[in-house]
Amino acid sequence: MKAIKVMATINEQGQITLDRPLMTEKNSRVELIVLIPEAGEINEDDKNKEEIIADLRQAWHEAMTGQTIPVAQLWEGLEDV
């Protein structure tokens, strides 16, 4: 059995809508395990997809325009941590 992790939403009728389509064999039966986080487990600081894409685009722009920091400089001061 193969496992695929995907986020989904449960609507008012109790039906599940996946955030993205599953890229697998169509018209096949699946076994579904639903993990529902407890109220204290939900992290409101998690970034949504749009924020992640915006951050990635900014990082790509900085890399392509030479706005980078050498890796050796990133490690400075971390040796003792």
Protein backbone atom coordinates (compact mmCIF):
# COMPACT_ATOMS: atom_id res chain seq x y z
CA MET A 1 0.00 0.00 0.00
CA LYS A 2 1.28 3.48 -0.90
CA ALA A 3 0.74 6.54 1.36
CA ILE A 4 0.08 10.05 0.07
CA LYS A 5 -0.22 13.01 2.43
CA VAL A 6 -2.49 15.84 1.32
CA MET A 7 -4.38 18.53 3.21
CA ALA A 8 -8.14 18.81 2.88
CA THR A 9 -11.18 20.64 4.23
CA ILE A 10 -14.35 19.15 5.70
CA ASN A 11 -17.46 21.12 4.68
CA GLU A 12 -20.78 21.54 6.53
CA GLN A 13 -22.11 18.32 4.98
CA GLY A 14 -19.11 16.37 6.30
CA GLN A 15 -17.62 15.89 2.83
CA ILE A 16 -13.87 16.14 2.29
CA THR A 17 -12.38 18.37 -0.40
CA LEU A 18 -8.68 17.89 -1.13
CA ASP A 19 -6.47 20.97 -1.51
CA ARG A 20 -4.96 19.47 -4.67
CA PRO A 21 -5.79 16.55 -6.96
CA LEU A 22 -4.18 13.18 -6.34
CA MET A 23 -1.86 12.16 -9.15
CA THR A 24 -2.61 8.46 -9.12
CA GLU A 25 -4.64 5.81 -10.87
CA LYS A 26 -8.21 7.04 -11.39
CA ASN A 27 -11.38 5.16 -10.44
CA SER A 28 -9.64 3.16 -7.71
CA ARG A 29 -10.73 2.58 -4.13
CA VAL A 30 -8.64 4.11 -1.34
CA GLU A 31 -8.41 3.75 2.39
CA LEU A 32 -8.71 7.12 4.13
CA ILE A 33 -7.37 8.01 7.57
CA VAL A 34 -8.47 11.47 8.72
CA LEU A 35 -6.29 13.25 11.28
CA ILE A 36 -8.12 16.16 12.90
CA PRO A 37 -5.91 18.48 14.98
CA GLU A 38 -7.00 19.41 18.48
CA ALA A 39 -7.69 23.13 19.03
CA GLY A 40 -4.29 23.67 20.71
CA GLU A 41 -2.41 21.96 17.87
CA ILE A 42 -3.44 24.42 15.17
CA ASN A 43 -0.59 26.79 14.41
CA GLU A 44 -1.95 30.12 13.26
CA ASP A 45 1.60 31.13 12.26
CA ASP A 46 1.70 28.54 9.46
CA LYS A 47 2.06 30.26 6.11
CA ASN A 48 -0.51 29.68 3.44
CA LYS A 49 0.39 28.67 -0.11
CA GLU A 50 0.33 32.24 -1.45
CA GLU A 51 2.76 33.46 1.23
CA ILE A 52 5.14 30.58 0.56
CA ILE A 53 5.09 31.26 -3.19
CA ALA A 54 5.70 34.99 -2.60
CA ASP A 55 8.68 34.17 -0.35
CA LEU A 56 10.06 31.77 -2.94
CA ARG A 57 9.73 34.37 -5.71
CA GLN A 58 11.51 36.96 -3.56
CA ALA A 59 14.32 34.53 -2.75
CA TRP A 60 14.67 33.59 -6.43
CA HIS A 61 14.79 37.27 -7.42
CA GLU A 62 17.50 37.94 -4.83
CA ALA A 63 19.53 34.96 -6.02
CA MET A 64 19.24 35.95 -9.69
CA THR A 65 20.23 39.57 -9.00
CA GLY A 66 23.26 38.66 -6.89
CA GLN A 67 21.77 39.68 -3.56
CA THR A 68 23.28 36.69 -1.78
CA ILE A 69 25.40 36.02 1.30
CA PRO A 70 28.30 33.52 1.20
CA VAL A 71 27.55 30.30 3.09
CA ALA A 72 30.70 30.75 5.20
CA GLN A 73 29.29 34.07 6.43
CA LEU A 74 26.01 32.39 7.40
CA TRP A 75 27.91 29.98 9.68
CA GLU A 76 29.90 32.73 11.45
CA GLY A 77 29.09 32.76 15.14
CA LEU A 78 27.14 29.51 15.00
CA GLU A 79 30.04 27.23 15.87
CA ASP A 80 29.43 27.65 19.61
CA VAL A 81 25.65 27.25 19.48
